[in-house]
């Protein structure tokens, strides 16, 4: 099996990019957080209508969190 960037990093896929764009647009529009995440999931599902809704939601939210959340471990 060949691994490409989209397989390893979902944000590198077309659906990942669409999810991030939809989330960011909703944030700029001042939407509540739940609507921002919902926009990301809807964008993902438009490109992957064959995926189960729960799986698609997990993937889209993982992409958003991966792009916007940073953990810092203090020693």
C-alpha atoms as a PDB file:
ATOM      1  CA  UNK A   1       0.000   0.000   0.000  1.00  0.00           C
ATOM      2  CA  UNK A   2       1.331   3.420  -0.941  1.00  0.00           C
ATOM      3  CA  UNK A   3       1.088   6.207   1.604  1.00  0.00           C
ATOM      4  CA  UNK A   4       0.676   9.767   0.462  1.00  0.00           C
ATOM      5  CA  UNK A   5       0.368  12.995   2.447  1.00  0.00           C
ATOM      6  CA  UNK A   6      -3.443  12.838   2.438  1.00  0.00           C
ATOM      7  CA  UNK A   7      -3.387   9.332   3.953  1.00  0.00           C
ATOM      8  CA  UNK A   8      -1.055  10.327   6.756  1.00  0.00           C
ATOM      9  CA  UNK A   9      -2.332  13.870   7.317  1.00  0.00           C
ATOM     10  CA  UNK A  10      -6.060  14.406   6.639  1.00  0.00           C
ATOM     11  CA  UNK A  11      -5.533  18.166   6.492  1.00  0.00           C
ATOM     12  CA  UNK A  12      -3.476  17.620   3.340  1.00  0.00           C
ATOM     13  CA  UNK A  13      -6.532  16.237   1.524  1.00  0.00           C
ATOM     14  CA  UNK A  14      -9.070  18.212  -0.460  1.00  0.00           C
ATOM     15  CA  UNK A  15     -11.705  17.447   2.189  1.00  0.00           C
ATOM     16  CA  UNK A  16      -9.363  18.610   4.949  1.00  0.00           C
ATOM     17  CA  UNK A  17      -8.682  21.879   3.182  1.00  0.00           C
ATOM     18  CA  UNK A  18     -12.403  22.406   2.563  1.00  0.00           C
ATOM     19  CA  UNK A  19     -13.182  21.673   6.207  1.00  0.00           C
ATOM     20  CA  UNK A  20     -10.597  24.174   7.428  1.00  0.00           C
ATOM     21  CA  UNK A  21     -11.832  26.817   5.001  1.00  0.00           C
ATOM     22  CA  UNK A  22     -15.450  26.325   6.086  1.00  0.00           C
ATOM     23  CA  UNK A  23     -14.512  26.445   9.772  1.00  0.00           C
ATOM     24  CA  UNK A  24     -12.425  29.593   9.314  1.00  0.00           C
ATOM     25  CA  UNK A  25     -15.171  31.305   7.292  1.00  0.00           C
ATOM     26  CA  UNK A  26     -17.709  30.559  10.008  1.00  0.00           C
ATOM     27  CA  UNK A  27     -15.358  31.927  12.679  1.00  0.00           C
ATOM     28  CA  UNK A  28     -14.758  35.118  10.707  1.00  0.00           C
ATOM     29  CA  UNK A  29     -18.535  35.503  10.376  1.00  0.00           C
ATOM     30  CA  UNK A  30     -18.798  35.409  14.166  1.00  0.00           C
ATOM     31  CA  UNK A  31     -20.730  32.144  14.337  1.00  0.00           C
ATOM     32  CA  UNK A  32     -20.840  30.179  17.606  1.00  0.00           C
ATOM     33  CA  UNK A  33     -18.244  27.393  17.924  1.00  0.00           C
ATOM     34  CA  UNK A  34     -20.755  24.607  17.349  1.00  0.00           C
ATOM     35  CA  UNK A  35     -21.765  26.147  14.019  1.00  0.00           C
ATOM     36  CA  UNK A  36     -18.121  26.506  13.019  1.00  0.00           C
ATOM     37  CA  UNK A  37     -17.499  22.805  13.625  1.00  0.00           C
ATOM     38  CA  UNK A  38     -20.763  21.932  11.884  1.00  0.00           C
ATOM     39  CA  UNK A  39     -19.609  23.884   8.810  1.00  0.00           C
ATOM     40  CA  UNK A  40     -16.356  21.901   8.789  1.00  0.00           C
ATOM     41  CA  UNK A  41     -18.223  18.596   9.009  1.00  0.00           C
ATOM     42  CA  UNK A  42     -20.635  19.591   6.235  1.00  0.00           C
ATOM     43  CA  UNK A  43     -17.723  20.518   3.982  1.00  0.00           C
ATOM     44  CA  UNK A  44     -16.076  17.145   4.659  1.00  0.00           C
ATOM     45  CA  UNK A  45     -19.309  15.260   3.970  1.00  0.00           C
ATOM     46  CA  UNK A  46     -19.844  17.055   0.649  1.00  0.00           C
ATOM     47  CA  UNK A  47     -16.584  15.520  -0.562  1.00  0.00           C
ATOM     48  CA  UNK A  48     -17.120  12.156   1.156  1.00  0.00           C
ATOM     49  CA  UNK A  49     -20.866  11.425   0.964  1.00  0.00           C
ATOM     50  CA  UNK A  50     -20.145   7.696   1.224  1.00  0.00           C
ATOM     51  CA  UNK A  51     -18.653   7.972   4.721  1.00  0.00           C
ATOM     52  CA  UNK A  52     -20.741   7.367   7.822  1.00  0.00           C
ATOM     53  CA  UNK A  53     -21.745  10.686   9.412  1.00  0.00           C
ATOM     54  CA  UNK A  54     -19.984   9.903  12.701  1.00  0.00           C
ATOM     55  CA  UNK A  55     -16.738   8.933  10.970  1.00  0.00           C
ATOM     56  CA  UNK A  56     -16.817  12.018   8.736  1.00  0.00           C
ATOM     57  CA  UNK A  57     -17.430  14.238  11.770  1.00  0.00           C
ATOM     58  CA  UNK A  58     -14.481  12.729  13.632  1.00  0.00           C
ATOM     59  CA  UNK A  59     -12.188  13.292  10.657  1.00  0.00           C
ATOM     60  CA  UNK A  60     -13.300  16.887  10.062  1.00  0.00           C
ATOM     61  CA  UNK A  61     -13.039  17.853  13.733  1.00  0.00           C
ATOM     62  CA  UNK A  62      -9.615  16.202  13.969  1.00  0.00           C
ATOM     63  CA  UNK A  63      -8.411  18.333  11.057  1.00  0.00           C
ATOM     64  CA  UNK A  64      -9.737  21.529  12.655  1.00  0.00           C
ATOM     65  CA  UNK A  65      -8.270  20.721  16.050  1.00  0.00           C
ATOM     66  CA  UNK A  66      -4.961  19.727  14.499  1.00  0.00           C
ATOM     67  CA  UNK A  67      -4.747  23.081  12.758  1.00  0.00           C
ATOM     68  CA  UNK A  68      -5.933  25.294  15.605  1.00  0.00           C
ATOM     69  CA  UNK A  69      -4.996  23.656  18.902  1.00  0.00           C
ATOM     70  CA  UNK A  70      -1.476  23.646  20.247  1.00  0.00           C
ATOM     71  CA  UNK A  71      -0.463  21.847  23.390  1.00  0.00           C
ATOM     72  CA  UNK A  72       2.418  23.130  25.420  1.00  0.00           C
ATOM     73  CA  UNK A  73       3.974  20.935  28.057  1.00  0.00           C
ATOM     74  CA  UNK A  74       5.749  22.818  30.784  1.00  0.00           C
ATOM     75  CA  UNK A  75       8.465  21.043  32.699  1.00  0.00           C
END
